[in-house]
Amino acid sequence: MSDLNVPDMANAMIAHGVKRVHVLAWRDFDDDEAGGSEDHAHEFMKRWQEAGLSVLHRTSHAAGKPSTAVRSGYDVIRRGGRMSVFPRTMASETFGRMGRYDALVEIWNGVPWLSPLWCRRPRILILHHVHGPMWNQMFSPPLAAIGRGLETKFAPPFYRRTPTVTTSDDTREELIHLGWKPELVTTGPVGVDDFFSSGGVKTRHPSVLAVGRQAPVKRFIELMEQVKYARQFVEGATLTLVGDGPDRAKIVEWIEQNQAHDWVRLLGRVTREELRDQYRQAWVISSASLAEGWGLALTEAAGCGTPAVATDISGHRCSVLNGETGLLAPLANLGRVIADVLLDDSLRTTLARQAEQRARTLTWDALAAGVLQPLYLQVVGKPS
């Protein structure tokens, strides 16, 4: 990522006449269903705004939120549904309904905005991961096939010359395989806020924590099955689930059917302070997710001195250094590995220390600079 800082790049861009930046994302940071991608966008947008750039964030309607707002200094426009936001935004940008802009950031989260077809200004793409098997988790087979075709066949030819930022080396390789020019795809780690720091005490009993939106792709049912298996080896182990989502009813049903009330706890949505407390108290954090751009909860927990045991997928390989800050395993082996870490105090202590050390090297300032650099290079050019 960038060796330049955001204020210096922003000042140079403004001197070259580029000040107003539009950022397109299908979901807003204040949406009830917001996740890691929305955190990522919010963190770089507020830093760009603080550095002097004028940022407008265009996204879809969020329940209970006004259609326009100002957050951390940058403008937010929330109009349209999850799908209608795409044609509405493209039309608005084409006809100037949201005002003039000097540069564009497109965040492609499954469905592209097709900015290469209508934007002739400096422009970058942010793509956290290729959804692949997630389409089958979210839609019926016909719609899933359309989504996969759009993501991997129809849209890529338009983007192959677009400077692109992603968080995973695996995703970078996937994009190159789809035709992106290697020199145009950069990667860089997501930040960890200093708020997520170690403190307090661990639970007296072995404890596993899982944090995230309770959607099919996160595979919370499968995680509970794996922790149930781990309990055969680890007496008194518990699992705490933080979050909510469409799979909530299925999770409750599984707990009922497996008489797991005494070892599975559902917390729902919690405050930031409560989340930090959960990170600090847990012995390990786990994720059975099928696909991720970056395991943000895993690195936040690392900042609190809690190592991860997670599925071996691309988004986890960048957020967890296998064997150093946590352990990765296929889903079928996850329970056994969870048990191994819970039973090995020395291993867990070493992983926890190294996880926290690495988390302190991950900063949102570096992320914001790394995302801005491809725009800066288009506007200012490479240093002589």
Protein backbone atom coordinates (compact mmCIF):
# COMPACT_ATOMS: atom_id res chain seq x y z
CA MET A 1 0.00 0.00 0.00
CA SER A 2 0.95 3.68 0.03
CA ASP A 3 4.06 5.25 1.58
CA LEU A 4 2.32 8.62 1.18
CA ASN A 5 -0.07 10.04 3.75
CA VAL A 6 -3.64 11.16 3.13
CA PRO A 7 -3.17 14.91 3.88
CA ASP A 8 -0.25 15.24 1.46
CA MET A 9 -2.06 13.36 -1.32
CA ALA A 10 -5.29 15.28 -0.71
CA ASN A 11 -3.51 18.65 -0.87
CA ALA A 12 -1.77 17.69 -4.12
CA MET A 13 -5.03 16.51 -5.67
CA ILE A 14 -6.83 19.70 -4.66
CA ALA A 15 -3.99 21.73 -6.19
CA HIS A 16 -4.66 19.84 -9.44
CA GLY A 17 -8.37 20.72 -9.32
CA VAL A 18 -9.69 17.47 -7.84
CA LYS A 19 -11.59 18.07 -4.63
CA ARG A 20 -15.08 16.52 -4.81
CA VAL A 21 -15.12 12.69 -4.65
CA HIS A 22 -18.24 10.54 -4.98
CA VAL A 23 -18.19 7.11 -3.33
CA LEU A 24 -20.79 4.56 -4.44
CA ALA A 25 -21.72 1.64 -2.17
CA TRP A 26 -24.91 -0.41 -2.09
CA ARG A 27 -25.25 -0.30 1.73
CA ASP A 28 -24.60 2.44 4.28
CA PHE A 29 -22.50 2.38 7.45
CA ASP A 30 -25.58 3.20 9.56
CA ASP A 31 -27.69 0.45 7.98
CA ASP A 32 -28.81 -2.26 10.41
CA GLU A 33 -27.24 -4.83 8.08
CA ALA A 34 -23.91 -3.04 7.69
CA GLY A 35 -20.75 -5.11 7.97
CA GLY A 36 -17.03 -5.00 7.32
CA SER A 37 -17.29 -3.42 3.87
CA GLU A 38 -19.27 -0.52 5.30
CA ASP A 39 -16.76 -0.06 8.15
CA HIS A 40 -13.97 -0.03 5.56
CA ALA A 41 -15.70 2.68 3.50
CA HIS A 42 -16.56 4.85 6.50
CA GLU A 43 -13.00 4.79 7.82
CA PHE A 44 -11.37 5.99 4.60
CA MET A 45 -14.12 8.51 3.75
CA LYS A 46 -13.91 10.30 7.08
CA ARG A 47 -10.12 10.54 6.79
CA TRP A 48 -10.33 11.88 3.25
CA GLN A 49 -12.85 14.47 4.42
CA GLU A 50 -10.64 15.48 7.36
CA ALA A 51 -7.73 15.92 4.93
CA GLY A 52 -9.66 18.49 2.87
CA LEU A 53 -11.35 16.44 0.15
CA SER A 54 -15.11 16.85 -0.15
CA VAL A 55 -16.72 13.41 -0.04
CA LEU A 56 -20.25 12.38 -1.00
CA HIS A 57 -21.39 8.85 -0.22
CA ARG A 58 -24.25 7.53 -2.39
CA THR A 59 -26.00 4.43 -1.11
CA SER A 60 -29.41 2.76 -0.66
CA HIS A 61 -32.17 3.57 1.80
CA ALA A 62 -31.49 2.54 5.40
CA ALA A 63 -34.50 1.79 7.59
CA GLY A 64 -35.17 4.57 10.07
CA LYS A 65 -32.57 6.89 8.57
CA PRO A 66 -33.14 10.13 6.62
CA SER A 67 -32.49 10.22 2.88
CA THR A 68 -29.68 12.75 3.39
CA ALA A 69 -27.24 13.23 6.24
CA VAL A 70 -23.77 14.38 7.19
CA ARG A 71 -21.57 11.87 9.02
CA SER A 72 -18.02 12.62 10.19
CA GLY A 73 -18.09 15.63 7.87
CA TYR A 74 -18.93 13.82 4.62
CA ASP A 75 -22.30 13.88 2.85
CA VAL A 76 -24.53 10.80 2.71
CA ILE A 77 -27.39 10.26 0.25
CA ARG A 78 -29.57 7.19 0.90
CA ARG A 79 -32.14 6.64 -1.84
CA GLY A 80 -33.46 3.55 -3.57
CA GLY A 81 -33.74 -0.09 -2.57
CA ARG A 82 -31.02 -2.72 -2.59
CA MET A 83 -31.35 -3.20 -6.36
CA SER A 84 -32.98 0.03 -7.56
CA VAL A 85 -30.09 2.05 -6.11
CA PHE A 86 -27.90 0.94 -9.00
CA PRO A 87 -29.89 2.32 -11.99
CA ARG A 88 -31.00 5.36 -9.98
CA THR A 89 -27.44 6.26 -9.05
CA MET A 90 -26.06 5.68 -12.54
CA ALA A 91 -28.76 7.96 -13.97
CA SER A 92 -28.13 10.60 -11.31
CA GLU A 93 -24.40 10.62 -11.96
CA THR A 94 -24.83 10.66 -15.71
CA PHE A 95 -27.18 13.67 -15.59
CA GLY A 96 -25.44 15.50 -12.76
CA ARG A 97 -28.30 15.33 -10.27
CA MET A 98 -25.95 14.96 -7.31
CA GLY A 99 -23.76 17.84 -8.39
CA ARG A 100 -20.38 17.96 -9.98
CA TYR A 101 -17.66 15.57 -8.86
CA ASP A 102 -13.99 15.35 -9.79
CA ALA A 103 -13.26 11.69 -9.01
CA LEU A 104 -15.21 8.51 -8.33
CA VAL A 105 -14.83 5.48 -6.05
CA GLU A 106 -16.97 2.48 -6.93
CA ILE A 107 -17.40 -0.20 -4.26
CA TRP A 108 -18.46 -3.38 -6.05
CA ASN A 109 -20.25 -5.68 -3.63
CA GLY A 110 -21.70 -8.41 -5.85
CA VAL A 111 -23.45 -6.08 -8.31
CA PRO A 112 -21.29 -3.59 -10.25
CA TRP A 113 -22.13 0.06 -10.88
CA LEU A 114 -20.63 -0.21 -14.40
CA SER A 115 -18.74 3.04 -13.90
CA PRO A 116 -16.39 2.40 -16.87
CA LEU A 117 -19.39 2.92 -19.16
CA TRP A 118 -20.44 6.33 -17.88
CA CYS A 119 -17.61 7.91 -15.83
CA ARG A 120 -14.81 9.77 -17.63
CA ARG A 121 -13.13 11.19 -14.55
CA PRO A 122 -10.37 9.70 -12.36
CA ARG A 123 -11.89 6.52 -10.99
CA ILE A 124 -11.01 3.50 -8.88
CA LEU A 125 -12.74 0.28 -7.91
CA ILE A 126 -12.85 -1.35 -4.47
CA LEU A 127 -13.69 -5.04 -4.58
CA HIS A 128 -13.29 -7.00 -1.34
CA HIS A 129 -13.95 -10.47 -2.71
CA VAL A 130 -15.51 -12.41 -5.57
CA HIS A 131 -18.78 -13.84 -4.24
CA GLY A 132 -18.59 -17.23 -5.98
CA PRO A 133 -20.49 -19.78 -3.85
CA MET A 134 -22.23 -17.00 -1.92
CA TRP A 135 -24.67 -16.52 -4.79
CA ASN A 136 -26.22 -19.92 -4.07
CA GLN A 137 -26.57 -18.93 -0.42
CA MET A 138 -28.47 -15.75 -1.22
CA PHE A 139 -30.64 -16.50 -4.27
CA SER A 140 -32.57 -19.17 -6.15
CA PRO A 141 -30.53 -21.13 -8.76
CA PRO A 142 -31.63 -18.99 -11.76
CA LEU A 143 -30.85 -15.70 -9.98
CA ALA A 144 -27.62 -17.10 -8.57
CA ALA A 145 -26.50 -18.06 -12.08
CA ILE A 146 -27.25 -14.53 -13.30
CA GLY A 147 -25.27 -13.03 -10.41
CA ARG A 148 -22.26 -15.26 -11.03
CA GLY A 149 -22.37 -14.51 -14.74
CA LEU A 150 -22.52 -10.77 -14.12
CA GLU A 151 -19.65 -10.91 -11.63
CA THR A 152 -17.29 -13.22 -13.50
CA LYS A 153 -18.19 -12.93 -17.21
CA PHE A 154 -20.21 -9.89 -18.24
CA ALA A 155 -18.76 -7.09 -16.08
CA PRO A 156 -15.00 -7.93 -15.81
CA PRO A 157 -14.08 -6.96 -19.41
CA PHE A 158 -15.15 -3.39 -18.66
CA TYR A 159 -12.96 -3.16 -15.55
CA ARG A 160 -9.68 -4.72 -16.64
CA ARG A 161 -8.02 -1.33 -17.02
CA THR A 162 -9.49 0.09 -13.81
CA PRO A 163 -7.17 0.65 -10.81
CA THR A 164 -8.56 -1.72 -8.21
CA VAL A 165 -8.06 -2.08 -4.47
CA THR A 166 -8.77 -5.27 -2.53
CA THR A 167 -7.88 -6.59 0.92
CA SER A 168 -6.85 -10.13 0.02
CA ASP A 169 -3.99 -11.55 -2.02
CA ASP A 170 -6.29 -14.42 -2.99
CA THR A 171 -8.86 -11.97 -4.35
CA ARG A 172 -6.12 -10.18 -6.25
CA GLU A 173 -5.18 -13.47 -7.91
CA GLU A 174 -8.83 -14.15 -8.74
CA LEU A 175 -9.15 -10.74 -10.40
CA ILE A 176 -5.97 -11.28 -12.41
CA HIS A 177 -7.40 -14.63 -13.51
CA LEU A 178 -10.54 -12.78 -14.63
CA GLY A 179 -8.40 -10.46 -16.77
CA TRP A 180 -7.39 -7.54 -14.55
CA LYS A 181 -3.93 -6.17 -15.29
CA PRO A 182 -1.68 -7.22 -12.36
CA GLU A 183 -0.09 -3.80 -12.02
CA LEU A 184 -3.51 -2.22 -11.50
CA VAL A 185 -4.61 -4.39 -8.55
CA THR A 186 -3.26 -3.45 -5.11
CA THR A 187 -3.93 -5.05 -1.73
CA GLY A 188 -3.63 -3.86 1.81
CA PRO A 189 -4.82 -4.82 5.28
CA VAL A 190 -7.85 -3.38 7.01
CA GLY A 191 -7.24 -1.32 10.14
CA VAL A 192 -7.92 -2.07 13.79
CA ASP A 193 -9.09 0.82 15.95
CA ASP A 194 -7.02 1.40 19.11
CA PHE A 195 -10.31 1.15 20.99
CA PHE A 196 -10.05 -2.62 20.59
CA SER A 197 -7.31 -3.26 23.12
CA SER A 198 -6.59 -5.88 25.75
CA GLY A 199 -7.89 -5.60 29.28
CA GLY A 200 -10.16 -7.22 31.83
CA VAL A 201 -10.07 -10.96 32.48
CA LYS A 202 -10.96 -14.06 30.50
CA THR A 203 -13.92 -16.20 31.47
CA ARG A 204 -13.17 -18.88 34.05
CA HIS A 205 -14.48 -21.56 31.68
CA PRO A 206 -13.31 -22.22 28.07
CA SER A 207 -15.23 -19.80 25.86
CA VAL A 208 -15.70 -19.31 22.13
CA LEU A 209 -17.04 -16.09 20.59
CA ALA A 210 -18.53 -15.52 17.14
CA VAL A 211 -19.46 -12.07 15.83
CA GLY A 212 -21.28 -11.15 12.64
CA ARG A 213 -24.48 -10.85 10.70
CA GLN A 214 -26.42 -14.08 11.07
CA ALA A 215 -26.78 -14.80 7.36
CA PRO A 216 -26.37 -18.13 5.50
CA VAL A 217 -22.89 -17.30 4.25
CA LYS A 218 -21.61 -16.95 7.84
CA ARG A 219 -22.63 -20.58 8.61
CA PHE A 220 -23.47 -20.10 12.28
CA ILE A 221 -25.40 -23.38 12.35
CA GLU A 222 -22.29 -25.20 11.17
CA LEU A 223 -20.19 -23.36 13.74
CA MET A 224 -22.49 -24.50 16.53
CA GLU A 225 -22.14 -28.06 15.26
CA GLN A 226 -18.36 -27.73 15.39
CA VAL A 227 -18.34 -26.28 18.90
CA LYS A 228 -20.71 -29.07 19.96
CA TYR A 229 -18.08 -31.50 18.71
CA ALA A 230 -15.30 -29.61 20.52
CA ARG A 231 -17.25 -29.96 23.78
CA GLN A 232 -16.62 -33.69 23.66
CA PHE A 233 -13.01 -32.86 24.49
CA VAL A 234 -13.34 -29.57 26.40
CA GLU A 235 -15.52 -29.74 29.47
CA GLY A 236 -17.68 -26.68 30.07
CA ALA A 237 -16.90 -24.93 26.77
CA THR A 238 -19.43 -22.28 25.78
CA LEU A 239 -20.26 -20.34 22.62
CA THR A 240 -21.49 -16.75 22.53
CA LEU A 241 -23.03 -15.35 19.34
CA VAL A 242 -23.09 -11.58 18.83
CA GLY A 243 -25.22 -10.20 16.00
CA ASP A 244 -28.55 -10.66 14.30
CA GLY A 245 -29.85 -11.46 10.83
CA PRO A 246 -32.08 -13.65 8.66
CA ASP A 247 -30.77 -16.94 10.11
CA ARG A 248 -31.69 -15.99 13.68
CA ALA A 249 -34.80 -18.20 13.76
CA LYS A 250 -32.84 -21.19 12.45
CA ILE A 251 -30.18 -20.65 15.12
CA VAL A 252 -32.82 -20.54 17.86
CA GLU A 253 -34.40 -23.69 16.45
CA TRP A 254 -31.03 -25.49 16.45
CA ILE A 255 -30.44 -24.53 20.07
CA GLU A 256 -33.87 -25.91 20.99
CA GLN A 257 -33.39 -29.16 19.09
CA ASN A 258 -29.92 -29.73 20.56
CA GLN A 259 -30.84 -28.63 24.09
CA ALA A 260 -27.93 -26.21 23.96
CA HIS A 261 -29.34 -23.43 26.13
CA ASP A 262 -26.76 -24.09 28.81
CA TRP A 263 -23.76 -23.52 26.53
CA VAL A 264 -24.92 -21.30 23.62
CA ARG A 265 -25.70 -17.67 24.43
CA LEU A 266 -27.36 -15.25 21.97
CA LEU A 267 -26.60 -11.59 22.59
CA GLY A 268 -27.99 -9.96 19.44
CA ARG A 269 -26.66 -6.51 18.59
CA VAL A 270 -24.51 -4.90 21.28
CA THR A 271 -22.84 -1.55 21.89
CA ARG A 272 -19.24 -1.00 20.90
CA GLU A 273 -18.19 -1.16 24.54
CA GLU A 274 -20.08 -4.41 25.08
CA LEU A 275 -18.48 -5.86 21.95
CA ARG A 276 -15.02 -5.00 23.26
CA ASP A 277 -15.88 -6.69 26.56
CA GLN A 278 -16.89 -9.85 24.69
CA TYR A 279 -13.67 -9.82 22.67
CA ARG A 280 -11.60 -9.44 25.85
CA GLN A 281 -13.41 -12.18 27.81
CA ALA A 282 -13.38 -14.92 25.17
CA TRP A 283 -10.63 -17.52 25.02
CA VAL A 284 -10.89 -17.66 21.22
CA ILE A 285 -12.95 -16.06 18.48
CA SER A 286 -14.19 -18.27 15.67
CA SER A 287 -15.77 -17.97 12.24
CA ALA A 288 -17.11 -20.71 9.99
CA SER A 289 -17.82 -18.26 7.16
CA LEU A 290 -17.92 -19.49 3.57
CA ALA A 291 -16.55 -16.26 2.10
CA GLU A 292 -15.19 -12.96 3.43
CA GLY A 293 -13.34 -9.96 2.07
CA TRP A 294 -11.63 -9.50 5.42
CA GLY A 295 -12.48 -10.98 8.82
CA LEU A 296 -12.87 -7.66 10.63
CA ALA A 297 -14.18 -9.22 13.85
CA LEU A 298 -11.15 -11.50 13.92
CA THR A 299 -8.67 -8.62 13.85
CA GLU A 300 -10.71 -6.54 16.31
CA ALA A 301 -10.61 -9.52 18.69
CA ALA A 302 -6.87 -9.83 18.03
CA GLY A 303 -6.48 -6.24 19.23
CA CYS A 304 -8.15 -7.35 22.47
CA GLY A 305 -5.71 -10.22 22.90
CA THR A 306 -7.97 -13.00 21.62
CA PRO A 307 -6.71 -15.38 18.92
CA ALA A 308 -8.86 -16.77 16.12
CA VAL A 309 -9.80 -20.25 14.93
CA ALA A 310 -11.52 -19.90 11.57
CA THR A 311 -12.26 -21.55 8.26
CA ASP A 312 -9.42 -21.57 5.75
CA ILE A 313 -10.83 -19.09 3.19
CA SER A 314 -9.27 -16.13 1.42
CA GLY A 315 -10.76 -13.43 3.66
CA HIS A 316 -9.50 -15.23 6.75
CA ARG A 317 -6.03 -15.87 5.38
CA CYS A 318 -5.31 -12.15 5.28
CA SER A 319 -6.85 -11.33 8.68
CA VAL A 320 -5.39 -14.39 10.47
CA LEU A 321 -1.75 -15.39 10.04
CA ASN A 322 -2.11 -19.15 10.29
CA GLY A 323 0.02 -20.56 13.10
CA GLU A 324 0.99 -17.08 14.28
CA THR A 325 -2.13 -15.06 15.24
CA GLY A 326 -4.58 -17.96 15.09
CA LEU A 327 -5.30 -21.20 13.29
CA LEU A 328 -7.18 -21.89 10.06
CA ALA A 329 -8.83 -25.17 9.15
CA PRO A 330 -11.41 -26.68 6.80
CA LEU A 331 -14.93 -26.49 8.19
CA ALA A 332 -15.00 -30.25 8.86
CA ASN A 333 -11.96 -29.94 11.16
CA LEU A 334 -12.86 -26.67 12.84
CA GLY A 335 -14.24 -28.25 16.02
CA ARG A 336 -11.13 -30.34 16.56
CA VAL A 337 -8.87 -27.29 16.14
CA ILE A 338 -11.04 -25.21 18.47
CA ALA A 339 -10.67 -27.95 21.07
CA ASP A 340 -6.90 -28.08 20.58
CA VAL A 341 -6.51 -24.35 21.19
CA LEU A 342 -8.86 -24.33 24.19
CA LEU A 343 -6.92 -27.20 25.78
CA ASP A 344 -3.41 -25.84 25.15
CA ASP A 345 -2.76 -22.88 27.45
CA SER A 346 0.75 -22.29 26.10
CA LEU A 347 -0.35 -22.28 22.47
CA ARG A 348 -3.30 -20.02 23.20
CA THR A 349 -1.16 -17.56 25.13
CA THR A 350 1.40 -17.39 22.32
CA LEU A 351 -1.25 -16.90 19.65
CA ALA A 352 -2.95 -14.22 21.74
CA ARG A 353 0.26 -12.25 22.24
CA GLN A 354 1.18 -12.41 18.56
CA ALA A 355 -2.37 -11.56 17.49
CA GLU A 356 -2.37 -8.40 19.59
CA GLN A 357 1.08 -7.40 18.38
CA ARG A 358 0.04 -7.73 14.77
CA ALA A 359 -3.26 -5.89 15.34
CA ARG A 360 -1.35 -2.84 16.54
CA THR A 361 0.39 -2.66 13.14
CA LEU A 362 -2.94 -2.48 11.28
CA THR A 363 -4.11 1.13 11.05
CA TRP A 364 -7.01 2.84 9.34
CA ASP A 365 -4.71 5.73 8.42
CA ALA A 366 -2.61 3.35 6.33
CA LEU A 367 -5.74 1.86 4.78
CA ALA A 368 -7.11 5.31 3.87
CA ALA A 369 -3.80 6.25 2.23
CA GLY A 370 -3.59 2.97 0.35
CA VAL A 371 -7.08 3.39 -1.10
CA LEU A 372 -6.43 7.02 -2.06
CA GLN A 373 -3.10 6.38 -3.77
CA PRO A 374 -4.52 5.00 -7.08
CA LEU A 375 -6.66 8.14 -7.42
CA TYR A 376 -3.73 10.36 -6.49
CA LEU A 377 -1.52 8.74 -9.16
CA GLN A 378 -4.18 9.34 -11.84
CA VAL A 379 -4.49 13.01 -10.86
CA VAL A 380 -0.94 13.97 -9.90
CA GLY A 381 1.16 11.24 -11.49
CA LYS A 382 4.07 9.28 -10.11
CA PRO A 383 6.72 11.23 -8.18
CA SER A 384 9.76 12.04 -10.34
